[in-house]
Amino acid sequence: MADFSPEPPEDEGGPVKSFLEHLEDFRWLLVKLSVSLALAMLVCLIGANYVMAIIKWPLSRATVGYPGTNQVVTVSFGTNQLGHFQLSPAQEQALQLGTNRFVAVTVAPLLLGTNQVLGWHLDPTVDAADSAQRMQIDLINLSPAGGFFVAIQLAFYGGLVLAAPFLFYFILSFVFPALKIREQKYVYRALVIGGGLFLVGVSFCYFVLMPVALAASQKYSNWLGLGASQWRAEEYISFVCRFLLGMGLGFELPVVILTLVKIGILSYRTLAGARRYMIVINLILGAVLTTPEVVTQILMFIPLQLLYELTVWIAWYWEQTDRPKARRVFLLVLLIIAAVIWLLQQYGWPWLKLQLH
């Protein structure tokens, strides 16, 4: 026998609750969020040295350059590196250290008769080029309680990352009953795609952009005539984490915008009209979340703006009735964006390295 019972309406959400019931749910939401973050922070506080090693990795990959063609000498004493020194032409002529541009020298005690003196010799076991071009930055604390504050800072940022899946789950459990079924479907898709884009943005910043930003920061300090061999640990951690978080959230922006387009809050015309405002916003994000130096700000601005342009064209494609024609135009736009990315990779990146060196 056919079932003619009415189907639930498409726009039906969760059960209707009173204000006090919503307030009680919100109270429990805050409790769950606080407990999850506290437990994650405790785990990261116990393993703070491992979290610190992860945050310091981009610093170990950042490279520095030496103008001109003069020799660069890496001086070591035992297992300690005393520094890297670029020789003048007169010093090169006097020392006669060979024809290699990067040379490693080890200082060691020598016996001269009955007297012990310091001498030096070329050390072929040291990769002089790699050693000289790696940034030698010491992260320091300048107060007795500095180590404690650094550990708390590490625990907070690490705890946010570790507890993020649980935080999102609890927040969505609170918000979803207020959404319509169609809206919930789009939000589910947005979460999956947005999570992937967030990881892409963080990875791009961590492996590519962060070493360049750190090298540019040291170069800018040297250009001003200031030493840049020591940085405050808490400021370094704050800068790295804000940079990573900002780039990750920036890569999620297209998903948020397209979800609003699907729900009906935004349209292609609105996005196209807001293009000039997004250019300013992305430039401001580059200035706030990166170093004050222009090259790094532009490096952050370019992918964010390209993602926004792609979002605008996706919204345009969704609104077209002639889908085959719209598909051809959309593919043409994708090819143009891919060509821009390829040109940046082929010509922009070598130019950037040349500027940093």
Protein backbone atom coordinates (compact mmCIF):
# COMPACT_ATOMS: atom_id res chain seq x y z
CA MET A 1 0.00 0.00 0.00
CA ALA A 2 1.42 3.38 -0.98
CA ASP A 3 2.50 5.70 1.79
CA PHE A 4 0.86 9.12 1.28
CA SER A 5 2.09 10.60 4.59
CA PRO A 6 3.45 14.12 4.12
CA GLU A 7 7.20 14.49 3.77
CA PRO A 8 9.02 16.81 6.16
CA PRO A 9 9.37 20.28 4.70
CA GLU A 10 12.70 21.00 3.01
CA ASP A 11 13.39 24.08 5.11
CA GLU A 12 12.70 22.39 8.45
CA GLY A 13 15.55 22.71 10.95
CA GLY A 14 15.97 21.35 14.46
CA PRO A 15 13.46 21.33 17.31
CA VAL A 16 12.08 24.63 18.55
CA LYS A 17 13.50 25.57 21.97
CA SER A 18 12.82 28.32 24.45
CA PHE A 19 15.30 31.09 25.21
CA LEU A 20 16.36 29.47 28.49
CA GLU A 21 16.96 26.14 26.75
CA HIS A 22 19.18 27.88 24.17
CA LEU A 23 21.00 29.63 26.99
CA GLU A 24 21.60 26.31 28.74
CA ASP A 25 22.93 24.78 25.48
CA PHE A 26 25.25 27.77 25.06
CA ARG A 27 26.53 27.35 28.61
CA TRP A 28 27.39 23.71 27.96
CA LEU A 29 29.01 24.72 24.67
CA LEU A 30 31.36 27.08 26.53
CA VAL A 31 32.15 24.33 29.06
CA LYS A 32 33.01 21.83 26.31
CA LEU A 33 35.14 24.35 24.43
CA SER A 34 37.04 25.36 27.57
CA VAL A 35 37.70 21.79 28.68
CA SER A 36 38.84 20.70 25.19
CA LEU A 37 41.21 23.65 24.86
CA ALA A 38 42.57 23.18 28.41
CA LEU A 39 43.32 19.48 27.84
CA ALA A 40 44.98 20.21 24.49
CA MET A 41 47.06 23.00 26.07
CA LEU A 42 48.16 20.60 28.83
CA VAL A 43 49.35 18.08 26.24
CA CYS A 44 51.26 20.78 24.33
CA LEU A 45 52.72 22.15 27.57
CA ILE A 46 54.16 18.72 28.36
CA GLY A 47 55.65 18.47 24.87
CA ALA A 48 56.56 22.17 24.52
CA ASN A 49 60.07 21.36 23.26
CA TYR A 50 58.61 19.40 20.33
CA VAL A 51 56.17 22.21 19.51
CA MET A 52 59.05 24.68 19.61
CA ALA A 53 61.07 22.52 17.19
CA ILE A 54 58.15 22.60 14.72
CA ILE A 55 57.85 26.39 14.95
CA LYS A 56 61.61 26.86 14.54
CA TRP A 57 61.81 24.73 11.38
CA PRO A 58 61.12 27.60 8.92
CA LEU A 59 63.92 29.56 10.60
CA SER A 60 66.36 26.73 9.92
CA ARG A 61 65.32 26.72 6.23
CA ALA A 62 65.66 30.48 5.71
CA THR A 63 68.71 31.51 3.72
CA VAL A 64 70.79 34.67 3.58
CA GLY A 65 72.82 36.08 0.73
CA TYR A 66 76.11 37.92 0.41
CA PRO A 67 76.43 40.69 -2.18
CA GLY A 68 79.35 40.66 -4.60
CA THR A 69 81.74 37.79 -5.24
CA ASN A 70 84.11 38.06 -2.28
CA GLN A 71 84.91 34.97 -0.24
CA VAL A 72 82.78 34.10 2.78
CA VAL A 73 84.57 32.34 5.65
CA THR A 74 82.79 30.20 8.24
CA VAL A 75 84.84 30.16 11.45
CA SER A 76 84.35 27.35 13.99
CA PHE A 77 85.90 26.49 17.35
CA GLY A 78 85.31 22.87 18.20
CA THR A 79 81.60 22.26 17.70
CA ASN A 80 80.71 25.96 18.03
CA GLN A 81 80.38 28.29 15.07
CA LEU A 82 81.86 31.70 15.76
CA GLY A 83 80.31 33.34 12.72
CA HIS A 84 80.41 33.98 8.99
CA PHE A 85 82.62 36.74 7.62
CA GLN A 86 82.79 38.18 4.10
CA LEU A 87 86.40 39.08 3.26
CA SER A 88 87.56 42.23 1.57
CA PRO A 89 89.82 41.92 -1.51
CA ALA A 90 92.86 42.79 0.64
CA GLN A 91 91.99 40.07 3.17
CA GLU A 92 91.51 37.52 0.39
CA GLN A 93 94.96 38.41 -0.97
CA ALA A 94 96.58 38.12 2.46
CA LEU A 95 94.94 34.87 3.61
CA GLN A 96 95.05 32.92 0.31
CA LEU A 97 92.22 30.53 1.19
CA GLY A 98 91.80 29.07 -2.28
CA THR A 99 89.39 29.73 -5.12
CA ASN A 100 86.11 28.56 -3.55
CA ARG A 101 83.80 31.36 -2.57
CA PHE A 102 82.62 29.65 0.62
CA VAL A 103 85.39 28.38 2.89
CA ALA A 104 85.27 26.72 6.32
CA VAL A 105 88.02 27.43 8.84
CA THR A 106 88.47 25.74 12.22
CA VAL A 107 90.29 27.47 15.08
CA ALA A 108 92.18 25.08 17.38
CA PRO A 109 94.94 25.28 20.05
CA LEU A 110 98.45 24.48 18.73
CA LEU A 111 101.80 23.91 20.43
CA LEU A 112 104.52 26.29 19.31
CA GLY A 113 107.59 25.08 21.15
CA THR A 114 106.52 25.12 24.79
CA ASN A 115 103.80 27.71 24.20
CA GLN A 116 100.21 26.95 23.37
CA VAL A 117 98.66 29.31 20.82
CA LEU A 118 95.55 29.46 18.72
CA GLY A 119 95.85 28.59 15.06
CA TRP A 120 93.50 27.85 12.20
CA HIS A 121 93.26 25.43 9.32
CA LEU A 122 90.87 24.75 6.45
CA ASP A 123 88.20 22.24 7.39
CA PRO A 124 86.98 20.18 4.38
CA THR A 125 84.47 18.27 6.56
CA VAL A 126 82.20 21.34 6.87
CA ASP A 127 79.77 22.22 4.08
CA ALA A 128 80.82 25.86 3.99
CA ALA A 129 78.26 26.98 1.39
CA ASP A 130 75.29 25.46 3.20
CA SER A 131 76.48 26.65 6.60
CA ALA A 132 77.14 30.23 5.50
CA GLN A 133 73.78 30.61 3.73
CA ARG A 134 71.69 29.36 6.63
CA MET A 135 70.35 32.04 8.96
CA GLN A 136 72.05 31.96 12.34
CA ILE A 137 69.39 33.44 14.64
CA ASP A 138 69.30 32.82 18.37
CA LEU A 139 65.87 32.95 20.02
CA ILE A 140 66.34 34.37 23.50
CA ASN A 141 64.40 35.23 26.66
CA LEU A 142 65.11 38.59 28.27
CA SER A 143 63.47 38.02 31.65
CA PRO A 144 63.53 35.35 34.40
CA ALA A 145 59.91 34.45 33.68
CA GLY A 146 60.40 34.55 29.91
CA GLY A 147 60.66 30.77 29.57
CA PHE A 148 57.34 30.31 31.39
CA PHE A 149 55.52 32.81 29.15
CA VAL A 150 57.00 31.19 26.04
CA ALA A 151 55.79 27.77 27.22
CA ILE A 152 52.27 29.13 27.81
CA GLN A 153 52.32 30.75 24.38
CA LEU A 154 53.38 27.49 22.76
CA ALA A 155 50.70 25.59 24.67
CA PHE A 156 47.99 28.06 23.60
CA TYR A 157 48.79 28.02 19.87
CA GLY A 158 49.52 24.29 19.84
CA GLY A 159 46.37 23.62 21.86
CA LEU A 160 44.25 25.52 19.35
CA VAL A 161 45.56 23.33 16.55
CA LEU A 162 45.23 20.11 18.52
CA ALA A 163 41.72 20.87 19.80
CA ALA A 164 40.45 22.39 16.53
CA PRO A 165 38.49 19.28 15.36
CA PHE A 166 36.69 19.04 18.71
CA LEU A 167 36.03 22.79 18.85
CA PHE A 168 34.49 22.74 15.36
CA TYR A 169 32.39 19.69 16.23
CA PHE A 170 30.96 21.28 19.39
CA ILE A 171 30.26 24.61 17.68
CA LEU A 172 28.53 22.91 14.75
CA SER A 173 26.46 20.76 17.12
CA PHE A 174 25.19 23.99 18.66
CA VAL A 175 24.59 25.90 15.40
CA PHE A 176 23.22 23.18 13.08
CA PRO A 177 19.75 22.83 14.66
CA ALA A 178 19.13 26.48 13.71
CA LEU A 179 19.93 25.83 10.02
CA LYS A 180 17.58 24.57 7.35
CA ILE A 181 18.24 21.17 5.81
CA ARG A 182 19.42 22.70 2.52
CA GLU A 183 21.76 25.04 4.41
CA GLN A 184 23.17 22.16 6.47
CA LYS A 185 24.04 20.30 3.26
CA TYR A 186 26.04 23.25 1.94
CA VAL A 187 27.77 23.79 5.27
CA TYR A 188 28.85 20.12 5.36
CA ARG A 189 30.44 20.47 1.92
CA ALA A 190 32.05 23.76 2.91
CA LEU A 191 33.61 22.18 5.99
CA VAL A 192 35.26 19.40 4.00
CA ILE A 193 36.58 21.67 1.24
CA GLY A 194 37.42 24.47 3.67
CA GLY A 195 39.44 22.15 5.89
CA GLY A 196 41.49 21.06 2.89
CA LEU A 197 42.06 24.66 1.75
CA PHE A 198 43.06 25.65 5.28
CA LEU A 199 45.74 22.94 5.30
CA VAL A 200 46.92 24.04 1.84
CA GLY A 201 47.23 27.64 3.00
CA VAL A 202 49.10 26.74 6.17
CA SER A 203 51.43 24.38 4.27
CA PHE A 204 52.14 27.01 1.60
CA CYS A 205 52.99 29.54 4.30
CA TYR A 206 55.05 27.10 6.41
CA PHE A 207 57.16 25.53 3.67
CA VAL A 208 57.40 28.35 1.09
CA LEU A 209 56.47 31.78 2.38
CA MET A 210 57.74 31.72 5.97
CA PRO A 211 61.46 31.09 5.19
CA VAL A 212 61.33 33.91 2.63
CA ALA A 213 59.67 36.27 5.12
CA LEU A 214 62.23 35.52 7.82
CA ALA A 215 65.16 35.98 5.42
CA ALA A 216 63.68 39.27 4.19
CA SER A 217 63.28 40.45 7.77
CA GLN A 218 66.95 39.88 8.55
CA LYS A 219 68.02 41.46 5.28
CA TYR A 220 65.94 44.55 6.03
CA SER A 221 67.51 44.86 9.49
CA ASN A 222 71.00 44.59 8.01
CA TRP A 223 70.11 47.21 5.40
CA LEU A 224 69.19 49.57 8.25
CA GLY A 225 72.56 48.88 9.86
CA LEU A 226 71.04 46.93 12.76
CA GLY A 227 72.14 43.55 14.06
CA ALA A 228 69.72 40.68 13.48
CA SER A 229 71.41 37.72 15.14
CA GLN A 230 69.05 37.50 18.14
CA TRP A 231 65.26 37.63 18.30
CA ARG A 232 62.92 37.53 21.28
CA ALA A 233 61.35 34.07 21.44
CA GLU A 234 57.83 35.22 22.33
CA GLU A 235 57.72 37.71 19.45
CA TYR A 236 59.01 35.11 16.98
CA ILE A 237 56.37 32.58 18.09
CA SER A 238 53.59 35.16 17.88
CA PHE A 239 54.67 36.25 14.39
CA VAL A 240 54.93 32.71 13.00
CA CYS A 241 51.60 31.55 14.44
CA ARG A 242 49.71 34.67 13.32
CA PHE A 243 51.20 34.34 9.85
CA LEU A 244 50.24 30.67 9.54
CA LEU A 245 46.75 31.22 10.93
CA GLY A 246 46.16 34.24 8.69
CA MET A 247 47.21 32.40 5.54
CA GLY A 248 45.10 29.37 6.45
CA LEU A 249 42.01 31.51 7.08
CA GLY A 250 42.69 33.48 3.90
CA PHE A 251 42.60 30.26 1.87
CA GLU A 252 39.25 29.38 3.47
CA LEU A 253 37.63 32.65 2.39
CA PRO A 254 36.45 31.30 -1.03
CA VAL A 255 34.57 28.48 0.69
CA VAL A 256 32.79 30.90 3.03
CA ILE A 257 31.86 33.21 0.15
CA LEU A 258 30.63 30.41 -2.12
CA THR A 259 28.55 28.94 0.70
CA LEU A 260 26.86 32.33 1.13
CA VAL A 261 26.29 32.41 -2.64
CA LYS A 262 24.61 28.98 -2.55
CA ILE A 263 22.42 29.99 0.37
CA GLY A 264 21.42 33.14 -1.51
CA ILE A 265 22.98 35.84 0.66
CA LEU A 266 25.59 36.87 -1.96
CA SER A 267 25.59 36.92 -5.77
CA TYR A 268 28.05 37.33 -8.64
CA ARG A 269 27.11 40.99 -9.07
CA THR A 270 27.83 41.66 -5.38
CA LEU A 271 31.21 39.90 -5.51
CA ALA A 272 32.27 41.64 -8.71
CA GLY A 273 31.34 45.01 -7.24
CA ALA A 274 33.37 44.26 -4.09
CA ARG A 275 36.55 43.42 -6.02
CA ARG A 276 38.26 46.74 -5.35
CA TYR A 277 37.47 46.43 -1.64
CA MET A 278 38.93 42.91 -1.54
CA ILE A 279 42.16 44.20 -3.09
CA VAL A 280 42.49 46.66 -0.22
CA ILE A 281 41.51 44.03 2.38
CA ASN A 282 44.05 41.50 1.06
CA LEU A 283 46.78 44.16 1.03
CA ILE A 284 45.90 45.05 4.64
CA LEU A 285 46.04 41.36 5.61
CA GLY A 286 49.47 41.11 3.99
CA ALA A 287 50.65 44.16 5.94
CA VAL A 288 49.22 43.04 9.30
CA LEU A 289 50.13 39.34 9.21
CA THR A 290 53.60 39.53 7.64
CA THR A 291 56.75 41.55 8.12
CA PRO A 292 56.66 45.30 7.30
CA GLU A 293 58.77 44.55 4.22
CA VAL A 294 56.92 44.85 0.88
CA VAL A 295 58.06 41.67 -0.92
CA THR A 296 56.53 39.35 1.69
CA GLN A 297 53.29 41.34 1.77
CA ILE A 298 52.94 40.98 -2.00
CA LEU A 299 53.66 37.24 -1.75
CA MET A 300 50.72 36.88 0.61
CA PHE A 301 48.47 39.23 -1.38
CA ILE A 302 48.84 37.41 -4.72
CA PRO A 303 47.40 33.97 -3.75
CA LEU A 304 44.61 35.54 -1.69
CA GLN A 305 43.55 37.78 -4.58
CA LEU A 306 43.76 34.92 -7.10
CA LEU A 307 41.52 32.82 -4.87
CA TYR A 308 39.00 35.65 -4.68
CA GLU A 309 39.00 36.07 -8.47
CA LEU A 310 38.41 32.33 -8.84
CA THR A 311 35.52 32.63 -6.37
CA VAL A 312 33.94 35.44 -8.40
CA TRP A 313 34.08 33.38 -11.60
CA ILE A 314 32.62 30.30 -9.91
CA ALA A 315 29.70 32.44 -8.71
CA TRP A 316 29.28 33.74 -12.28
CA TYR A 317 29.27 30.18 -13.65
CA TRP A 318 26.59 29.07 -11.20
CA GLU A 319 24.27 31.88 -12.32
CA GLN A 320 24.54 31.15 -16.07
CA THR A 321 21.69 29.43 -17.91
CA ASP A 322 23.83 28.54 -20.97
CA ARG A 323 26.11 26.11 -19.11
CA PRO A 324 28.20 24.83 -22.10
CA LYS A 325 29.21 28.38 -23.06
CA ALA A 326 29.78 29.30 -19.43
CA ARG A 327 31.93 26.19 -18.99
CA ARG A 328 34.19 27.23 -21.88
CA VAL A 329 34.64 30.73 -20.46
CA PHE A 330 35.28 29.33 -16.99
CA LEU A 331 37.95 26.94 -18.29
CA LEU A 332 39.59 29.86 -20.10
CA VAL A 333 39.75 31.79 -16.82
CA LEU A 334 41.30 28.76 -15.08
CA LEU A 335 43.94 28.53 -17.82
CA ILE A 336 44.77 32.23 -17.39
CA ILE A 337 45.16 31.80 -13.61
CA ALA A 338 47.32 28.70 -14.15
CA ALA A 339 49.48 30.65 -16.62
CA VAL A 340 49.95 33.46 -14.08
CA ILE A 341 50.98 30.95 -11.42
CA TRP A 342 53.42 29.29 -13.86
CA LEU A 343 54.96 32.67 -14.80
CA LEU A 344 55.40 33.54 -11.13
CA GLN A 345 57.06 30.20 -10.52
CA GLN A 346 59.37 30.50 -13.54
CA TYR A 347 60.32 34.17 -13.33
CA GLY A 348 58.97 35.66 -10.11
CA TRP A 349 60.59 33.21 -7.69
CA PRO A 350 64.16 33.51 -9.12
CA TRP A 351 63.73 37.31 -9.10
CA LEU A 352 62.66 37.14 -5.47
CA LYS A 353 65.66 35.03 -4.49
CA LEU A 354 67.89 37.50 -6.32
CA GLN A 355 66.36 40.37 -4.32
CA LEU A 356 66.91 38.53 -1.03
CA HIS A 357 70.49 37.76 -1.92
